[in-house]
Amino acid sequence: QQWQEMTMPDKYYATGPAHGKYTHGHTIAGQRHRLGYVSDETWQRMVAQCEALQISANELTIRAILAYLKQLEG
């Protein structure tokens, strides 16, 4: 429940194994609300993609991955 006390909008990066894994982890979580509506499912896939590529995503990378995922979803 610790993540609820934080101002981070994304619980996936506020807790669990991914927390602190990337130097820009806080940035990833903090940017979600600026990217327009993103479903939890799509966001989790984006996070998984970042983990698979072992990257700390900046806003540009996040936008590129989300655009790619949206193309896949049709």
C-alpha atoms as a PDB file:
ATOM      1  CA  GLN A   1       0.000   0.000   0.000  1.00  0.00           C
ATOM      2  CA  GLN A   2       3.041   2.230   0.145  1.00  0.00           C
ATOM      3  CA  TRP A   3       2.619   3.281  -3.469  1.00  0.00           C
ATOM      4  CA  GLN A   4      -0.709   4.912  -2.666  1.00  0.00           C
ATOM      5  CA  GLU A   5       1.081   7.492  -0.562  1.00  0.00           C
ATOM      6  CA  MET A   6       3.339   8.446  -3.455  1.00  0.00           C
ATOM      7  CA  THR A   7       2.376  10.995  -6.092  1.00  0.00           C
ATOM      8  CA  MET A   8       3.311   8.659  -8.914  1.00  0.00           C
ATOM      9  CA  PRO A   9       0.331   7.984 -11.205  1.00  0.00           C
ATOM     10  CA  ASP A  10       1.438   4.486 -12.132  1.00  0.00           C
ATOM     11  CA  LYS A  11       1.397   1.750  -9.523  1.00  0.00           C
ATOM     12  CA  TYR A  12       3.429  -0.567 -11.736  1.00  0.00           C
ATOM     13  CA  TYR A  13       6.471   1.633 -11.309  1.00  0.00           C
ATOM     14  CA  ALA A  14       5.768   2.636  -7.736  1.00  0.00           C
ATOM     15  CA  THR A  15       6.178  -0.866  -6.408  1.00  0.00           C
ATOM     16  CA  GLY A  16       7.338  -4.332  -7.353  1.00  0.00           C
ATOM     17  CA  PRO A  17      10.455  -5.606  -9.120  1.00  0.00           C
ATOM     18  CA  ALA A  18      10.461  -2.832 -11.718  1.00  0.00           C
ATOM     19  CA  HIS A  19      10.741  -0.087  -9.095  1.00  0.00           C
ATOM     20  CA  GLY A  20      14.196   1.438  -9.082  1.00  0.00           C
ATOM     21  CA  LYS A  21      15.328  -0.776 -11.928  1.00  0.00           C
ATOM     22  CA  TYR A  22      15.869   2.155 -14.275  1.00  0.00           C
ATOM     23  CA  THR A  23      17.409   5.498 -13.497  1.00  0.00           C
ATOM     24  CA  HIS A  24      14.468   7.105 -15.265  1.00  0.00           C
ATOM     25  CA  GLY A  25      11.838   4.870 -13.676  1.00  0.00           C
ATOM     26  CA  HIS A  26      10.215   7.824 -11.965  1.00  0.00           C
ATOM     27  CA  THR A  27      10.171   9.668 -15.268  1.00  0.00           C
ATOM     28  CA  ILE A  28       8.379   6.791 -16.980  1.00  0.00           C
ATOM     29  CA  ALA A  29       5.672   6.750 -14.326  1.00  0.00           C
ATOM     30  CA  GLY A  30       5.444  10.516 -14.188  1.00  0.00           C
ATOM     31  CA  GLN A  31       4.991  10.829 -17.930  1.00  0.00           C
ATOM     32  CA  ARG A  32       2.010   8.512 -18.255  1.00  0.00           C
ATOM     33  CA  HIS A  33      -0.554  11.217 -17.583  1.00  0.00           C
ATOM     34  CA  ARG A  34       1.014  13.471 -20.236  1.00  0.00           C
ATOM     35  CA  LEU A  35       0.646  10.892 -22.998  1.00  0.00           C
ATOM     36  CA  GLY A  36      -3.115  11.049 -23.230  1.00  0.00           C
ATOM     37  CA  TYR A  37      -5.307   8.083 -22.368  1.00  0.00           C
ATOM     38  CA  VAL A  38      -3.439   4.791 -22.291  1.00  0.00           C
ATOM     39  CA  SER A  39      -5.166   1.602 -21.181  1.00  0.00           C
ATOM     40  CA  ASP A  40      -3.545  -0.361 -18.356  1.00  0.00           C
ATOM     41  CA  GLU A  41      -3.049  -3.280 -20.721  1.00  0.00           C
ATOM     42  CA  THR A  42      -1.208  -1.163 -23.280  1.00  0.00           C
ATOM     43  CA  TRP A  43       0.833   0.522 -20.559  1.00  0.00           C
ATOM     44  CA  GLN A  44       1.892  -2.833 -19.106  1.00  0.00           C
ATOM     45  CA  ARG A  45       2.944  -3.975 -22.580  1.00  0.00           C
ATOM     46  CA  MET A  46       4.962  -0.794 -22.979  1.00  0.00           C
ATOM     47  CA  VAL A  47       6.671  -1.364 -19.627  1.00  0.00           C
ATOM     48  CA  ALA A  48       7.348  -4.987 -20.594  1.00  0.00           C
ATOM     49  CA  GLN A  49       8.842  -3.770 -23.869  1.00  0.00           C
ATOM     50  CA  CYS A  50      11.160  -1.420 -21.968  1.00  0.00           C
ATOM     51  CA  GLU A  51      12.227  -4.276 -19.711  1.00  0.00           C
ATOM     52  CA  ALA A  52      12.797  -6.613 -22.658  1.00  0.00           C
ATOM     53  CA  LEU A  53      14.998  -4.019 -24.346  1.00  0.00           C
ATOM     54  CA  GLN A  54      16.572  -3.098 -21.015  1.00  0.00           C
ATOM     55  CA  ILE A  55      16.089   0.595 -21.630  1.00  0.00           C
ATOM     56  CA  SER A  56      15.202   3.473 -19.393  1.00  0.00           C
ATOM     57  CA  ALA A  57      12.623   5.125 -21.581  1.00  0.00           C
ATOM     58  CA  ASN A  58      12.558   8.841 -22.041  1.00  0.00           C
ATOM     59  CA  GLU A  59       9.436  10.560 -23.335  1.00  0.00           C
ATOM     60  CA  LEU A  60      10.470  10.095 -26.970  1.00  0.00           C
ATOM     61  CA  THR A  61      10.998   6.352 -26.508  1.00  0.00           C
ATOM     62  CA  ILE A  62       7.711   5.976 -24.674  1.00  0.00           C
ATOM     63  CA  ARG A  63       5.823   7.780 -27.444  1.00  0.00           C
ATOM     64  CA  ALA A  64       7.473   5.591 -30.092  1.00  0.00           C
ATOM     65  CA  ILE A  65       6.658   2.342 -28.276  1.00  0.00           C
ATOM     66  CA  LEU A  66       3.067   3.406 -27.584  1.00  0.00           C
ATOM     67  CA  ALA A  67       2.595   4.384 -31.224  1.00  0.00           C
ATOM     68  CA  TYR A  68       3.932   0.982 -32.253  1.00  0.00           C
ATOM     69  CA  LEU A  69       1.623  -0.847 -29.834  1.00  0.00           C
ATOM     70  CA  LYS A  70      -1.388   1.148 -31.040  1.00  0.00           C
ATOM     71  CA  GLN A  71      -0.563   0.132 -34.617  1.00  0.00           C
ATOM     72  CA  LEU A  72      -0.491  -3.506 -33.531  1.00  0.00           C
ATOM     73  CA  GLU A  73      -3.857  -3.105 -31.855  1.00  0.00           C
ATOM     74  CA  GLY A  74      -5.279  -1.742 -35.102  1.00  0.00           C
END
